[in-house]
Amino acid sequence: MSAVLCRALSKFISVGSVRFSSGCEQRLRGSLLSGDVDRFGGVTVRDFPPQIKEDEFKDLLRESLGQWRSEGRVAVWLLVPITQSRLAAAAACHGFSFHHARRDVAVLSLWVGPGPDRLPAFATHQVGVAGDTAVREVFEETGVRSEFRSLLSIRQQHKHPGAFGMSDMYLICRLRPLSYDINFCTHECLRCDWLDLAELARTTETTPITSRIAKLLLHGLEKGFHNIDLCVEELPAVCSAMFYQLYHRPLPEVKET
């Protein structure tokens, strides 16, 4: 294949994963509660009036939610300090629920965008997958059917802001398309097109990891995918009746004598 499916990044969660607000791109000052807008359209509120009562906060939050909905925001995160934990009960009246808590801050969340709740769950590690299990994700998000061929690369990053400060792992797999017609999910993507792999490798309008993987695939096309693939083999685990998948470069074939 000399083409690769490229999706415009408009997702609130990534494949197999979800992404929390990864940076403050815009500061909201027009709302009754001040919050940071992330690149996914979510609002994170960290500052609350220090002496506000529950009933007052309930009214304040209701008006703020109305404004955020009118602005097209998709989610609201409340980082409530333990000293103001009384505000959690008021937030629950508007549908907020606990997402997670760390030390002296409880994080409450509410999905206010269209469709079902697509907020990521909290975990000690976040594992995103591009391929494999994502055969299903690729079909659901793009309408393109594919099959798993190999694992290409693993990205690991600790203290990832998009994973609530936890570790993040992203597995990138090589897929072979079985269909080419695109029928993408409008909740997940703004655009969905086929791009020439060489163009994807040299463009500056993508992320460094996308460009690097495109170059890796070009190398595989030229020199053979056996030079870039991490093959998978299922082996019996120590626990009885269980198995695990081991990924590694192929071992040379040894003829038995």
Protein backbone atom coordinates (compact mmCIF):
# COMPACT_ATOMS: atom_id res chain seq x y z
CA MET A 1 0.00 0.00 0.00
CA SER A 2 1.22 3.48 -0.87
CA ALA A 3 -1.64 5.29 0.79
CA VAL A 4 -2.70 5.76 4.35
CA LEU A 5 -5.94 6.87 5.88
CA CYS A 6 -5.57 10.24 7.57
CA ARG A 7 -8.20 11.58 9.91
CA ALA A 8 -8.48 15.23 10.89
CA LEU A 9 -8.03 15.48 14.63
CA SER A 10 -11.34 16.54 16.11
CA LYS A 11 -11.83 13.72 18.54
CA PHE A 12 -12.52 14.17 22.19
CA ILE A 13 -10.99 10.71 22.76
CA SER A 14 -8.38 8.95 20.85
CA VAL A 15 -8.47 5.41 19.53
CA GLY A 16 -8.73 3.05 22.41
CA SER A 17 -8.19 5.83 24.63
CA VAL A 18 -9.40 8.98 25.76
CA ARG A 19 -7.64 12.10 26.12
CA PHE A 20 -8.16 14.59 28.96
CA SER A 21 -7.56 18.30 28.36
CA SER A 22 -3.94 18.43 27.19
CA GLY A 23 -3.34 22.14 27.60
CA CYS A 24 -5.08 25.43 28.14
CA GLU A 25 -5.66 26.82 24.68
CA GLN A 26 -8.13 29.52 25.63
CA ARG A 27 -9.14 31.19 28.85
CA LEU A 28 -12.87 31.74 29.36
CA ARG A 29 -13.71 35.05 30.98
CA GLY A 30 -17.21 35.69 29.68
CA SER A 31 -18.80 32.84 31.64
CA LEU A 32 -20.00 33.17 35.20
CA LEU A 33 -17.45 30.55 36.20
CA SER A 34 -13.98 30.95 34.71
CA GLY A 35 -12.57 27.87 33.00
CA ASP A 36 -9.87 26.73 30.61
CA VAL A 37 -10.97 25.47 27.18
CA ASP A 38 -8.97 22.52 25.89
CA ARG A 39 -8.45 21.62 22.24
CA PHE A 40 -11.25 19.04 22.41
CA GLY A 41 -13.90 21.57 23.38
CA GLY A 42 -14.01 20.76 27.08
CA VAL A 43 -14.00 23.29 29.91
CA THR A 44 -11.96 22.81 33.10
CA VAL A 45 -12.89 24.89 36.15
CA ARG A 46 -10.27 25.16 38.89
CA ASP A 47 -11.24 28.32 40.77
CA PHE A 48 -14.41 28.72 42.83
CA PRO A 49 -15.67 31.63 44.95
CA PRO A 50 -14.18 30.85 48.38
CA GLN A 51 -17.23 31.50 50.58
CA ILE A 52 -20.03 30.60 48.17
CA LYS A 53 -22.92 28.57 49.58
CA GLU A 54 -24.26 25.40 48.00
CA ASP A 55 -27.52 26.96 46.77
CA GLU A 56 -25.66 29.94 45.33
CA PHE A 57 -23.18 27.67 43.59
CA LYS A 58 -26.01 25.55 42.19
CA ASP A 59 -27.54 28.63 40.53
CA LEU A 60 -24.13 29.86 39.36
CA LEU A 61 -23.30 26.50 37.82
CA ARG A 62 -26.68 26.26 36.08
CA GLU A 63 -26.18 29.62 34.36
CA SER A 64 -22.59 28.75 33.44
CA LEU A 65 -23.68 25.42 31.94
CA GLY A 66 -26.24 27.23 29.83
CA GLN A 67 -23.57 29.53 28.45
CA TRP A 68 -21.10 26.71 27.77
CA ARG A 69 -23.75 24.70 25.94
CA SER A 70 -24.59 27.70 23.78
CA GLU A 71 -20.88 28.01 22.94
CA GLY A 72 -20.77 24.39 21.76
CA ARG A 73 -18.66 22.99 24.60
CA VAL A 74 -18.74 19.20 24.90
CA ALA A 75 -17.69 18.56 28.50
CA VAL A 76 -17.13 20.26 31.82
CA TRP A 77 -14.54 19.25 34.42
CA LEU A 78 -14.72 20.62 37.98
CA LEU A 79 -11.53 20.35 40.05
CA VAL A 80 -12.99 20.78 43.51
CA PRO A 81 -10.52 21.18 46.40
CA ILE A 82 -11.26 19.20 49.55
CA THR A 83 -11.82 22.44 51.47
CA GLN A 84 -14.82 23.15 49.20
CA SER A 85 -16.11 19.59 48.93
CA ARG A 86 -19.60 20.87 49.79
CA LEU A 87 -19.81 22.09 46.17
CA ALA A 88 -19.80 18.50 44.90
CA ALA A 89 -23.34 17.94 46.17
CA ALA A 90 -24.54 21.05 44.33
CA ALA A 91 -22.82 19.91 41.14
CA ALA A 92 -24.46 16.48 41.42
CA CYS A 93 -27.85 18.19 41.11
CA HIS A 94 -26.84 19.15 37.55
CA GLY A 95 -25.73 15.64 36.63
CA PHE A 96 -22.04 15.81 37.57
CA SER A 97 -20.43 12.65 38.90
CA PHE A 98 -17.05 11.84 40.43
CA HIS A 99 -14.41 11.02 37.84
CA HIS A 100 -11.45 10.56 40.16
CA ALA A 101 -9.75 12.06 43.20
CA ARG A 102 -6.09 12.62 44.00
CA ARG A 103 -4.87 13.83 47.38
CA ASP A 104 -6.80 17.06 48.09
CA VAL A 105 -8.71 17.53 44.81
CA ALA A 106 -11.81 15.70 43.52
CA VAL A 107 -12.50 15.83 39.78
CA LEU A 108 -16.15 15.86 38.72
CA SER A 109 -17.20 15.57 35.10
CA LEU A 110 -20.26 16.10 32.93
CA TRP A 111 -20.72 15.40 29.22
CA VAL A 112 -22.72 18.23 27.63
CA GLY A 113 -21.99 17.49 23.96
CA PRO A 114 -24.18 15.64 21.45
CA GLY A 115 -24.66 11.91 21.58
CA PRO A 116 -23.64 9.51 24.35
CA ASP A 117 -21.02 10.31 26.98
CA ARG A 118 -17.55 9.90 25.43
CA LEU A 119 -15.43 11.02 28.37
CA PRO A 120 -12.41 8.82 29.17
CA ALA A 121 -12.32 6.69 32.28
CA PHE A 122 -9.61 7.27 34.85
CA ALA A 123 -6.84 4.69 35.13
CA THR A 124 -3.29 4.35 36.40
CA HIS A 125 -2.13 3.87 32.81
CA GLN A 126 -3.63 4.91 29.52
CA VAL A 127 -3.10 2.64 26.52
CA GLY A 128 -4.04 3.88 23.09
CA VAL A 129 -4.02 1.60 20.08
CA ALA A 130 -3.76 2.37 16.35
CA GLY A 131 -4.58 -0.99 14.74
CA ASP A 132 -5.23 -4.42 16.33
CA THR A 133 -8.29 -3.95 18.59
CA ALA A 134 -8.51 -0.76 16.53
CA VAL A 135 -9.60 -2.77 13.49
CA ARG A 136 -13.02 -2.33 15.02
CA GLU A 137 -12.32 1.32 15.84
CA VAL A 138 -11.12 2.07 12.31
CA PHE A 139 -14.33 0.64 10.89
CA GLU A 140 -16.55 2.45 13.39
CA GLU A 141 -14.83 5.79 12.83
CA THR A 142 -14.05 5.68 9.10
CA GLY A 143 -16.22 2.93 7.58
CA VAL A 144 -13.11 1.24 6.18
CA ARG A 145 -12.71 -2.48 6.85
CA SER A 146 -9.19 -3.74 7.52
CA GLU A 147 -7.19 -6.62 8.95
CA PHE A 148 -4.30 -6.66 11.41
CA ARG A 149 -0.85 -7.32 9.93
CA SER A 150 1.74 -6.38 12.54
CA LEU A 151 2.76 -4.10 15.38
CA LEU A 152 4.95 -1.26 14.12
CA SER A 153 5.84 0.86 17.12
CA ILE A 154 5.11 1.67 20.76
CA ARG A 155 5.17 5.18 22.17
CA GLN A 156 5.54 5.63 25.92
CA GLN A 157 5.26 8.86 27.86
CA HIS A 158 5.05 9.40 31.61
CA LYS A 159 3.12 12.15 33.41
CA HIS A 160 1.04 12.72 30.29
CA PRO A 161 -1.29 15.75 30.73
CA GLY A 162 -3.80 14.06 28.42
CA ALA A 163 -3.94 11.01 30.72
CA PHE A 164 -4.57 12.86 33.99
CA GLY A 165 -0.83 12.98 34.69
CA MET A 166 -0.48 9.20 34.42
CA SER A 167 1.62 7.13 32.05
CA ASP A 168 0.49 6.86 28.43
CA MET A 169 1.25 4.09 25.97
CA TYR A 170 0.27 4.21 22.30
CA LEU A 171 0.53 1.11 20.15
CA ILE A 172 0.74 1.63 16.39
CA CYS A 173 -0.15 -1.29 14.16
CA ARG A 174 0.03 -1.94 10.43
CA LEU A 175 -3.33 -2.77 8.87
CA ARG A 176 -4.26 -3.93 5.39
CA PRO A 177 -7.44 -2.32 4.04
CA LEU A 178 -10.18 -4.64 2.86
CA SER A 179 -12.37 -1.79 1.61
CA TYR A 180 -11.72 1.76 0.47
CA ASP A 181 -15.04 3.59 0.61
CA ILE A 182 -15.10 6.14 3.45
CA ASN A 183 -18.17 6.64 5.60
CA PHE A 184 -16.79 8.37 8.67
CA CYS A 185 -18.40 9.09 12.03
CA THR A 186 -19.16 12.80 12.34
CA HIS A 187 -18.89 12.58 16.14
CA GLU A 188 -15.26 11.44 15.85
CA CYS A 189 -13.89 13.24 12.78
CA LEU A 190 -14.21 16.50 10.89
CA ARG A 191 -12.68 15.06 7.71
CA CYS A 192 -11.52 11.68 6.54
CA ASP A 193 -9.44 11.22 3.37
CA TRP A 194 -6.92 8.92 1.75
CA LEU A 195 -3.48 10.51 1.44
CA ASP A 196 -0.40 9.38 -0.44
CA LEU A 197 2.05 7.90 2.05
CA ALA A 198 5.00 9.88 0.65
CA GLU A 199 3.03 13.09 1.04
CA LEU A 200 2.16 12.21 4.62
CA ALA A 201 5.83 11.56 5.38
CA ARG A 202 6.98 14.97 4.21
CA THR A 203 4.10 17.26 5.19
CA THR A 204 4.57 19.64 8.10
CA GLU A 205 0.83 19.71 8.81
CA THR A 206 0.82 16.61 10.98
CA THR A 207 2.35 15.38 14.23
CA PRO A 208 5.98 14.18 14.44
CA ILE A 209 4.84 10.64 15.27
CA THR A 210 2.61 10.47 12.18
CA SER A 211 5.44 11.66 9.94
CA ARG A 212 7.88 9.18 11.49
CA ILE A 213 5.50 6.23 11.06
CA ALA A 214 4.84 7.22 7.46
CA LYS A 215 8.60 7.14 6.82
CA LEU A 216 8.79 3.77 8.55
CA LEU A 217 6.09 2.39 6.26
CA LEU A 218 7.84 3.76 3.19
CA HIS A 219 10.98 1.93 4.31
CA GLY A 220 8.96 -1.25 4.71
CA LEU A 221 7.49 -0.89 1.23
CA GLU A 222 10.96 -0.47 -0.25
CA LYS A 223 12.96 -2.98 1.82
CA GLY A 224 10.22 -5.36 2.96
CA PHE A 225 7.93 -5.25 5.95
CA HIS A 226 9.99 -7.93 7.68
CA ASN A 227 12.48 -5.13 8.36
CA ILE A 228 10.01 -3.05 10.34
CA ASP A 229 7.34 -5.39 11.71
CA LEU A 230 7.17 -6.54 15.30
CA CYS A 231 5.52 -9.93 14.99
CA VAL A 232 3.23 -11.39 17.61
CA GLU A 233 3.20 -14.88 19.06
CA GLU A 234 0.79 -16.26 21.63
CA LEU A 235 2.48 -18.15 24.47
CA PRO A 236 1.12 -19.97 27.54
CA ALA A 237 1.20 -17.87 30.70
CA VAL A 238 2.31 -19.00 34.13
CA CYS A 239 -1.32 -18.88 35.24
CA SER A 240 -3.10 -22.04 34.20
CA ALA A 241 -5.22 -21.94 31.02
CA MET A 242 -4.15 -18.36 30.23
CA PHE A 243 -2.07 -16.94 27.38
CA TYR A 244 -0.25 -13.74 26.58
CA GLN A 245 0.90 -12.05 23.38
CA LEU A 246 4.64 -11.48 22.90
CA TYR A 247 5.79 -8.94 20.29
CA HIS A 248 9.33 -9.02 18.89
CA ARG A 249 11.31 -8.99 15.68
CA PRO A 250 11.20 -12.37 13.88
CA LEU A 251 13.76 -14.99 14.86
CA PRO A 252 15.76 -16.54 12.01
CA GLU A 253 14.45 -19.90 10.96
CA VAL A 254 16.62 -22.76 12.18
CA LYS A 255 16.42 -26.07 10.37
CA GLU A 256 16.13 -29.06 12.65
CA THR A 257 18.75 -31.75 12.13
